[in-house]
PDB file of all heavy atoms in Angstrom:
ATOM      1  N   GLN A   1       0.849  -1.156  -0.058  1.00  0.00           N
ATOM      2  CA  GLN A   1       0.033   0.038   0.010  1.00  0.00           C
ATOM      3  C   GLN A   1       0.882   1.199   0.084  1.00  0.00           C
ATOM      4  O   GLN A   1       0.574   2.348  -0.628  1.00  0.00           O
ATOM      5  CB  GLN A   1      -0.925   0.019   1.209  1.00  0.00           C
ATOM      6  CG  GLN A   1      -1.994  -1.115   1.227  1.00  0.00           C
ATOM      7  CD  GLN A   1      -2.749  -1.160   2.522  1.00  0.00           C
ATOM      8  OE1 GLN A   1      -2.163  -0.921   3.558  1.00  0.00           O
ATOM      9  NE2 GLN A   1      -3.963  -1.548   2.451  1.00  0.00           N
ATOM     10  N   ARG A   2       1.932   1.149   0.755  1.00  0.00           N
ATOM     11  CA  ARG A   2       2.906   2.343   0.805  1.00  0.00           C
ATOM     12  C   ARG A   2       3.367   2.757  -0.651  1.00  0.00           C
ATOM     13  O   ARG A   2       3.355   3.896  -1.049  1.00  0.00           O
ATOM     14  CB  ARG A   2       4.087   1.985   1.618  1.00  0.00           C
ATOM     15  CG  ARG A   2       5.008   3.117   1.967  1.00  0.00           C
ATOM     16  CD  ARG A   2       6.185   2.675   2.834  1.00  0.00           C
ATOM     17  NE  ARG A   2       5.690   1.933   4.017  1.00  0.00           N
ATOM     18  CZ  ARG A   2       6.417   1.120   4.652  1.00  0.00           C
ATOM     19  NH1 ARG A   2       7.681   0.907   4.314  1.00  0.00           N
ATOM     20  NH2 ARG A   2       5.894   0.497   5.737  1.00  0.00           N
ATOM     21  N   VAL A   3       3.727   1.731  -1.445  1.00  0.00           N
ATOM     22  CA  VAL A   3       4.172   2.075  -2.787  1.00  0.00           C
ATOM     23  C   VAL A   3       3.080   2.645  -3.614  1.00  0.00           C
ATOM     24  O   VAL A   3       3.248   3.605  -4.403  1.00  0.00           O
ATOM     25  CB  VAL A   3       4.730   0.728  -3.459  1.00  0.00           C
ATOM     26  CG1 VAL A   3       4.981   0.930  -4.948  1.00  0.00           C
ATOM     27  CG2 VAL A   3       5.928   0.213  -2.796  1.00  0.00           C
ATOM     28  N   GLU A   4       1.805   2.118  -3.560  1.00  0.00           N
ATOM     29  CA  GLU A   4       0.727   2.536  -4.331  1.00  0.00           C
ATOM     30  C   GLU A   4       0.354   3.912  -3.968  1.00  0.00           C
ATOM     31  O   GLU A   4       0.119   4.747  -4.779  1.00  0.00           O
ATOM     32  CB  GLU A   4      -0.347   1.568  -4.232  1.00  0.00           C
ATOM     33  CG  GLU A   4      -0.185   0.212  -4.778  1.00  0.00           C
ATOM     34  CD  GLU A   4      -1.422  -0.595  -4.728  1.00  0.00           C
ATOM     35  OE1 GLU A   4      -2.579  -0.132  -4.771  1.00  0.00           O
ATOM     36  OE2 GLU A   4      -1.393  -1.827  -4.684  1.00  0.00           O
ATOM     37  N   ILE A   5       0.380   4.198  -2.639  1.00  0.00           N
ATOM     38  CA  ILE A   5      -0.025   5.586  -2.219  1.00  0.00           C
ATOM     39  C   ILE A   5       1.121   6.597  -2.790  1.00  0.00           C
ATOM     40  O   ILE A   5       0.847   7.723  -3.261  1.00  0.00           O
ATOM     41  CB  ILE A   5      -0.116   5.676  -0.686  1.00  0.00           C
ATOM     42  CG1 ILE A   5      -1.286   4.775  -0.282  1.00  0.00           C
ATOM     43  CG2 ILE A   5      -0.369   7.118  -0.238  1.00  0.00           C
ATOM     44  CD1 ILE A   5      -1.437   4.775   1.229  1.00  0.00           C
ATOM     45  N   PHE A   6       2.391   6.259  -2.553  1.00  0.00           N
ATOM     46  CA  PHE A   6       3.490   7.035  -2.868  1.00  0.00           C
ATOM     47  C   PHE A   6       3.451   7.271  -4.421  1.00  0.00           C
ATOM     48  O   PHE A   6       3.653   8.490  -4.765  1.00  0.00           O
ATOM     49  CB  PHE A   6       4.851   6.252  -2.519  1.00  0.00           C
ATOM     50  CG  PHE A   6       6.073   7.106  -2.936  1.00  0.00           C
ATOM     51  CD1 PHE A   6       6.502   8.180  -2.170  1.00  0.00           C
ATOM     52  CD2 PHE A   6       6.767   6.856  -4.082  1.00  0.00           C
ATOM     53  CE1 PHE A   6       7.655   8.940  -2.610  1.00  0.00           C
ATOM     54  CE2 PHE A   6       7.864   7.462  -4.538  1.00  0.00           C
ATOM     55  CZ  PHE A   6       8.294   8.489  -3.688  1.00  0.00           C
ATOM     56  N   ASN A   7       3.199   6.312  -5.227  1.00  0.00           N
ATOM     57  CA  ASN A   7       3.121   6.516  -6.648  1.00  0.00           C
ATOM     58  C   ASN A   7       1.966   7.472  -7.084  1.00  0.00           C
ATOM     59  O   ASN A   7       1.865   7.969  -8.227  1.00  0.00           O
ATOM     60  CB  ASN A   7       2.924   5.160  -7.373  1.00  0.00           C
ATOM     61  CG  ASN A   7       4.196   4.441  -7.481  1.00  0.00           C
ATOM     62  OD1 ASN A   7       5.308   5.061  -7.508  1.00  0.00           O
ATOM     63  ND2 ASN A   7       4.136   3.093  -7.526  1.00  0.00           N
ATOM     64  N   SER A   8       0.940   7.628  -6.156  1.00  0.00           N
ATOM     65  CA  SER A   8      -0.187   8.474  -6.457  1.00  0.00           C
ATOM     66  C   SER A   8       0.107   9.921  -6.077  1.00  0.00           C
ATOM     67  O   SER A   8      -0.747  10.817  -6.470  1.00  0.00           O
ATOM     68  CB  SER A   8      -1.410   8.056  -5.764  1.00  0.00           C
ATOM     69  OG  SER A   8      -1.728   6.678  -6.121  1.00  0.00           O
ATOM     70  N   PHE A   9       1.190  10.163  -5.394  1.00  0.00           N
ATOM     71  CA  PHE A   9       1.554  11.619  -5.056  1.00  0.00           C
ATOM     72  C   PHE A   9       2.076  12.341  -6.322  1.00  0.00           C
ATOM     73  O   PHE A   9       2.448  11.689  -7.254  1.00  0.00           O
ATOM     74  CB  PHE A   9       2.660  11.532  -4.034  1.00  0.00           C
ATOM     75  CG  PHE A   9       2.321  11.200  -2.613  1.00  0.00           C
ATOM     76  CD1 PHE A   9       3.259  10.491  -1.807  1.00  0.00           C
ATOM     77  CD2 PHE A   9       1.009  11.373  -2.210  1.00  0.00           C
ATOM     78  CE1 PHE A   9       2.854  10.072  -0.499  1.00  0.00           C
ATOM     79  CE2 PHE A   9       0.572  10.936  -0.902  1.00  0.00           C
ATOM     80  CZ  PHE A   9       1.507  10.325  -0.069  1.00  0.00           C
ATOM     81  N   GLU A  10       2.020  13.663  -6.203  1.00  0.00           N
ATOM     82  CA  GLU A  10       2.508  14.450  -7.347  1.00  0.00           C
ATOM     83  C   GLU A  10       4.046  14.164  -7.473  1.00  0.00           C
ATOM     84  O   GLU A  10       4.758  13.912  -6.457  1.00  0.00           O
ATOM     85  CB  GLU A  10       2.339  16.004  -7.160  1.00  0.00           C
ATOM     86  CG  GLU A  10       0.957  16.351  -7.126  1.00  0.00           C
ATOM     87  CD  GLU A  10       0.702  17.833  -6.892  1.00  0.00           C
ATOM     88  OE1 GLU A  10       1.761  18.525  -6.593  1.00  0.00           O
ATOM     89  OE2 GLU A  10      -0.437  18.325  -6.913  1.00  0.00           O
ATOM     90  N   TRP A  11       4.555  14.283  -8.713  1.00  0.00           N
ATOM     91  CA  TRP A  11       5.959  13.895  -9.076  1.00  0.00           C
ATOM     92  C   TRP A  11       6.905  14.753  -8.169  1.00  0.00           C
ATOM     93  O   TRP A  11       7.911  14.238  -7.685  1.00  0.00           O
ATOM     94  CB  TRP A  11       6.175  14.196 -10.516  1.00  0.00           C
ATOM     95  CG  TRP A  11       7.534  13.934 -11.073  1.00  0.00           C
ATOM     96  CD1 TRP A  11       8.538  14.867 -11.392  1.00  0.00           C
ATOM     97  CD2 TRP A  11       8.159  12.667 -11.106  1.00  0.00           C
ATOM     98  NE1 TRP A  11       9.628  14.261 -11.843  1.00  0.00           N
ATOM     99  CE2 TRP A  11       9.516  12.969 -11.670  1.00  0.00           C
ATOM    100  CE3 TRP A  11       7.825  11.377 -10.895  1.00  0.00           C
ATOM    101  CZ2 TRP A  11      10.409  11.951 -12.033  1.00  0.00           C
ATOM    102  CZ3 TRP A  11       8.713  10.315 -11.207  1.00  0.00           C
ATOM    103  CH2 TRP A  11       9.973  10.627 -11.710  1.00  0.00           C
ATOM    104  N   ASN A  12       6.720  16.118  -8.060  1.00  0.00           N
ATOM    105  CA  ASN A  12       7.555  16.854  -7.262  1.00  0.00           C
ATOM    106  C   ASN A  12       7.600  16.500  -5.801  1.00  0.00           C
ATOM    107  O   ASN A  12       8.590  16.677  -5.056  1.00  0.00           O
ATOM    108  CB  ASN A  12       7.285  18.374  -7.495  1.00  0.00           C
ATOM    109  CG  ASN A  12       5.882  18.735  -6.968  1.00  0.00           C
ATOM    110  OD1 ASN A  12       5.013  17.950  -7.216  1.00  0.00           O
ATOM    111  ND2 ASN A  12       5.738  19.972  -6.366  1.00  0.00           N
ATOM    112  N   ARG A  13       6.466  16.134  -5.243  1.00  0.00           N
ATOM    113  CA  ARG A  13       6.333  15.567  -3.850  1.00  0.00           C
ATOM    114  C   ARG A  13       7.202  14.355  -3.677  1.00  0.00           C
ATOM    115  O   ARG A  13       7.959  14.155  -2.720  1.00  0.00           O
ATOM    116  CB  ARG A  13       4.897  15.331  -3.579  1.00  0.00           C
ATOM    117  CG  ARG A  13       3.955  16.556  -3.410  1.00  0.00           C
ATOM    118  CD  ARG A  13       4.218  17.297  -2.080  1.00  0.00           C
ATOM    119  NE  ARG A  13       3.090  18.090  -1.734  1.00  0.00           N
ATOM    120  CZ  ARG A  13       2.627  18.240  -0.596  1.00  0.00           C
ATOM    121  NH1 ARG A  13       3.186  17.804   0.415  1.00  0.00           N
ATOM    122  NH2 ARG A  13       1.590  19.033  -0.373  1.00  0.00           N
ATOM    123  N   GLN A  14       7.133  13.454  -4.683  1.00  0.00           N
ATOM    124  CA  GLN A  14       7.896  12.200  -4.478  1.00  0.00           C
ATOM    125  C   GLN A  14       9.454  12.560  -4.411  1.00  0.00           C
ATOM    126  O   GLN A  14      10.145  12.040  -3.701  1.00  0.00           O
ATOM    127  CB  GLN A  14       7.641  11.298  -5.700  1.00  0.00           C
ATOM    128  CG  GLN A  14       6.190  10.765  -5.839  1.00  0.00           C
ATOM    129  CD  GLN A  14       6.017   9.901  -6.984  1.00  0.00           C
ATOM    130  OE1 GLN A  14       6.874   9.396  -7.677  1.00  0.00           O
ATOM    131  NE2 GLN A  14       4.778   9.822  -7.436  1.00  0.00           N
ATOM    132  N   ILE A  15       9.817  13.413  -5.420  1.00  0.00           N
ATOM    133  CA  ILE A  15      11.269  13.758  -5.342  1.00  0.00           C
ATOM    134  C   ILE A  15      11.667  14.449  -4.177  1.00  0.00           C
ATOM    135  O   ILE A  15      12.820  14.164  -3.571  1.00  0.00           O
ATOM    136  CB  ILE A  15      11.486  14.659  -6.730  1.00  0.00           C
ATOM    137  CG1 ILE A  15      11.261  13.913  -7.962  1.00  0.00           C
ATOM    138  CG2 ILE A  15      12.862  15.132  -6.657  1.00  0.00           C
ATOM    139  CD1 ILE A  15      11.210  14.825  -9.193  1.00  0.00           C
ATOM    140  N   ASP A  16      10.804  15.396  -3.651  1.00  0.00           N
ATOM    141  CA  ASP A  16      11.165  16.033  -2.335  1.00  0.00           C
ATOM    142  C   ASP A  16      11.282  15.069  -1.232  1.00  0.00           C
ATOM    143  O   ASP A  16      12.198  15.207  -0.478  1.00  0.00           O
ATOM    144  CB  ASP A  16      10.043  17.036  -2.050  1.00  0.00           C
ATOM    145  CG  ASP A  16      10.329  17.923  -0.852  1.00  0.00           C
ATOM    146  OD1 ASP A  16      11.467  18.506  -0.839  1.00  0.00           O
ATOM    147  OD2 ASP A  16       9.490  17.912   0.088  1.00  0.00           O
ATOM    148  N   MET A  17      10.448  14.058  -1.208  1.00  0.00           N
ATOM    149  CA  MET A  17      10.657  13.014  -0.117  1.00  0.00           C
ATOM    150  C   MET A  17      11.964  12.261  -0.224  1.00  0.00           C
ATOM    151  O   MET A  17      12.540  11.984   0.816  1.00  0.00           O
ATOM    152  CB  MET A  17       9.443  12.151  -0.136  1.00  0.00           C
ATOM    153  CG  MET A  17       8.078  12.751   0.281  1.00  0.00           C
ATOM    154  SD  MET A  17       6.749  11.613   0.157  1.00  0.00           S
ATOM    155  CE  MET A  17       5.324  12.716   0.116  1.00  0.00           C
ATOM    156  N   LEU A  18      12.183  11.905  -1.369  1.00  0.00           N
ATOM    157  CA  LEU A  18      13.498  11.133  -1.662  1.00  0.00           C
ATOM    158  C   LEU A  18      14.750  11.914  -1.326  1.00  0.00           C
ATOM    159  O   LEU A  18      15.727  11.368  -0.879  1.00  0.00           O
ATOM    160  CB  LEU A  18      13.558  10.576  -3.000  1.00  0.00           C
ATOM    161  CG  LEU A  18      13.083   9.120  -3.222  1.00  0.00           C
ATOM    162  CD1 LEU A  18      11.611   8.984  -2.820  1.00  0.00           C
ATOM    163  CD2 LEU A  18      13.265   8.659  -4.659  1.00  0.00           C
ATOM    164  N   LYS A  19      14.656  13.242  -1.426  1.00  0.00           N
ATOM    165  CA  LYS A  19      15.696  14.078  -1.217  1.00  0.00           C
ATOM    166  C   LYS A  19      15.971  14.315   0.255  1.00  0.00           C
ATOM    167  O   LYS A  19      17.119  14.460   0.747  1.00  0.00           O
ATOM    168  CB  LYS A  19      15.502  15.434  -1.898  1.00  0.00           C
ATOM    169  CG  LYS A  19      15.704  15.503  -3.421  1.00  0.00           C
ATOM    170  CD  LYS A  19      15.503  16.887  -4.021  1.00  0.00           C
ATOM    171  CE  LYS A  19      15.832  16.916  -5.468  1.00  0.00           C
ATOM    172  NZ  LYS A  19      15.537  18.312  -6.012  1.00  0.00           N
ATOM    173  N   THR A  20      14.852  14.257   1.013  1.00  0.00           N
ATOM    174  CA  THR A  20      14.880  14.902   2.430  1.00  0.00           C
ATOM    175  C   THR A  20      14.794  13.897   3.528  1.00  0.00           C
ATOM    176  O   THR A  20      15.212  14.098   4.593  1.00  0.00           O
ATOM    177  CB  THR A  20      13.949  16.018   2.581  1.00  0.00           C
ATOM    178  OG1 THR A  20      12.626  15.501   2.353  1.00  0.00           O
ATOM    179  CG2 THR A  20      14.118  17.186   1.564  1.00  0.00           C
ATOM    180  N   GLN A  21      14.122  12.737   3.173  1.00  0.00           N
ATOM    181  CA  GLN A  21      13.809  11.792   4.291  1.00  0.00           C
ATOM    182  C   GLN A  21      14.985  10.869   4.605  1.00  0.00           C
ATOM    183  O   GLN A  21      15.877  10.836   3.821  1.00  0.00           O
ATOM    184  CB  GLN A  21      12.525  11.040   3.857  1.00  0.00           C
ATOM    185  CG  GLN A  21      11.311  11.881   3.662  1.00  0.00           C
ATOM    186  CD  GLN A  21      10.968  12.758   4.962  1.00  0.00           C
ATOM    187  OE1 GLN A  21      11.102  12.309   6.082  1.00  0.00           O
ATOM    188  NE2 GLN A  21      10.563  13.987   4.731  1.00  0.00           N
ATOM    189  N   ASP A  22      14.786  10.173   5.716  1.00  0.00           N
ATOM    190  CA  ASP A  22      15.901   9.300   6.242  1.00  0.00           C
ATOM    191  C   ASP A  22      16.231   8.229   5.114  1.00  0.00           C
ATOM    192  O   ASP A  22      15.325   7.519   4.497  1.00  0.00           O
ATOM    193  CB  ASP A  22      15.343   8.543   7.465  1.00  0.00           C
ATOM    194  CG  ASP A  22      16.319   7.481   7.908  1.00  0.00           C
ATOM    195  OD1 ASP A  22      17.334   7.828   8.479  1.00  0.00           O
ATOM    196  OD2 ASP A  22      16.012   6.320   7.719  1.00  0.00           O
ATOM    197  N   GLU A  23      17.533   8.161   4.763  1.00  0.00           N
ATOM    198  CA  GLU A  23      17.943   7.286   3.644  1.00  0.00           C
ATOM    199  C   GLU A  23      17.600   5.791   3.841  1.00  0.00           C
ATOM    200  O   GLU A  23      17.349   5.090   2.915  1.00  0.00           O
ATOM    201  CB  GLU A  23      19.395   7.516   3.420  1.00  0.00           C
ATOM    202  CG  GLU A  23      20.365   7.117   4.617  1.00  0.00           C
ATOM    203  CD  GLU A  23      20.720   8.371   5.431  1.00  0.00           C
ATOM    204  OE1 GLU A  23      19.898   9.359   5.302  1.00  0.00           O
ATOM    205  OE2 GLU A  23      21.722   8.332   6.115  1.00  0.00           O
ATOM    206  N   LYS A  24      17.529   5.298   5.101  1.00  0.00           N
ATOM    207  CA  LYS A  24      17.182   3.907   5.266  1.00  0.00           C
ATOM    208  C   LYS A  24      15.703   3.702   4.998  1.00  0.00           C
ATOM    209  O   LYS A  24      15.360   2.671   4.270  1.00  0.00           O
ATOM    210  CB  LYS A  24      17.352   3.564   6.805  1.00  0.00           C
ATOM    211  CG  LYS A  24      18.837   3.461   7.189  1.00  0.00           C
ATOM    212  CD  LYS A  24      18.918   3.033   8.636  1.00  0.00           C
ATOM    213  CE  LYS A  24      20.381   2.967   9.113  1.00  0.00           C
ATOM    214  NZ  LYS A  24      20.463   2.592  10.527  1.00  0.00           N
ATOM    215  N   GLN A  25      14.811   4.561   5.258  1.00  0.00           N
ATOM    216  CA  GLN A  25      13.407   4.462   4.969  1.00  0.00           C
ATOM    217  C   GLN A  25      13.172   4.686   3.422  1.00  0.00           C
ATOM    218  O   GLN A  25      12.430   4.001   2.788  1.00  0.00           O
ATOM    219  CB  GLN A  25      12.577   5.507   5.642  1.00  0.00           C
ATOM    220  CG  GLN A  25      12.514   5.317   7.177  1.00  0.00           C
ATOM    221  CD  GLN A  25      11.628   6.321   7.904  1.00  0.00           C
ATOM    222  OE1 GLN A  25      11.397   7.354   7.392  1.00  0.00           O
ATOM    223  NE2 GLN A  25      11.194   5.994   9.122  1.00  0.00           N
ATOM    224  N   VAL A  26      14.003   5.639   2.828  1.00  0.00           N
ATOM    225  CA  VAL A  26      13.963   5.914   1.438  1.00  0.00           C
ATOM    226  C   VAL A  26      14.403   4.608   0.641  1.00  0.00           C
ATOM    227  O   VAL A  26      13.795   4.204  -0.403  1.00  0.00           O
ATOM    228  CB  VAL A  26      14.738   7.104   1.008  1.00  0.00           C
ATOM    229  CG1 VAL A  26      14.904   7.164  -0.530  1.00  0.00           C
ATOM    230  CG2 VAL A  26      14.152   8.303   1.495  1.00  0.00           C
ATOM    231  N   ALA A  27      15.503   4.002   1.114  1.00  0.00           N
ATOM    232  CA  ALA A  27      15.971   2.786   0.537  1.00  0.00           C
ATOM    233  C   ALA A  27      15.018   1.626   0.521  1.00  0.00           C
ATOM    234  O   ALA A  27      14.800   0.912  -0.437  1.00  0.00           O
ATOM    235  CB  ALA A  27      17.269   2.391   1.193  1.00  0.00           C
TER     236      ALA A  27
END
């Protein structure tokens, strides 16, 4: 569900999260 919800976010939001959030969770 996490993947499906994340894929439904706006593109710039997805990128912002990958840039700023904890690298372990992002990985």
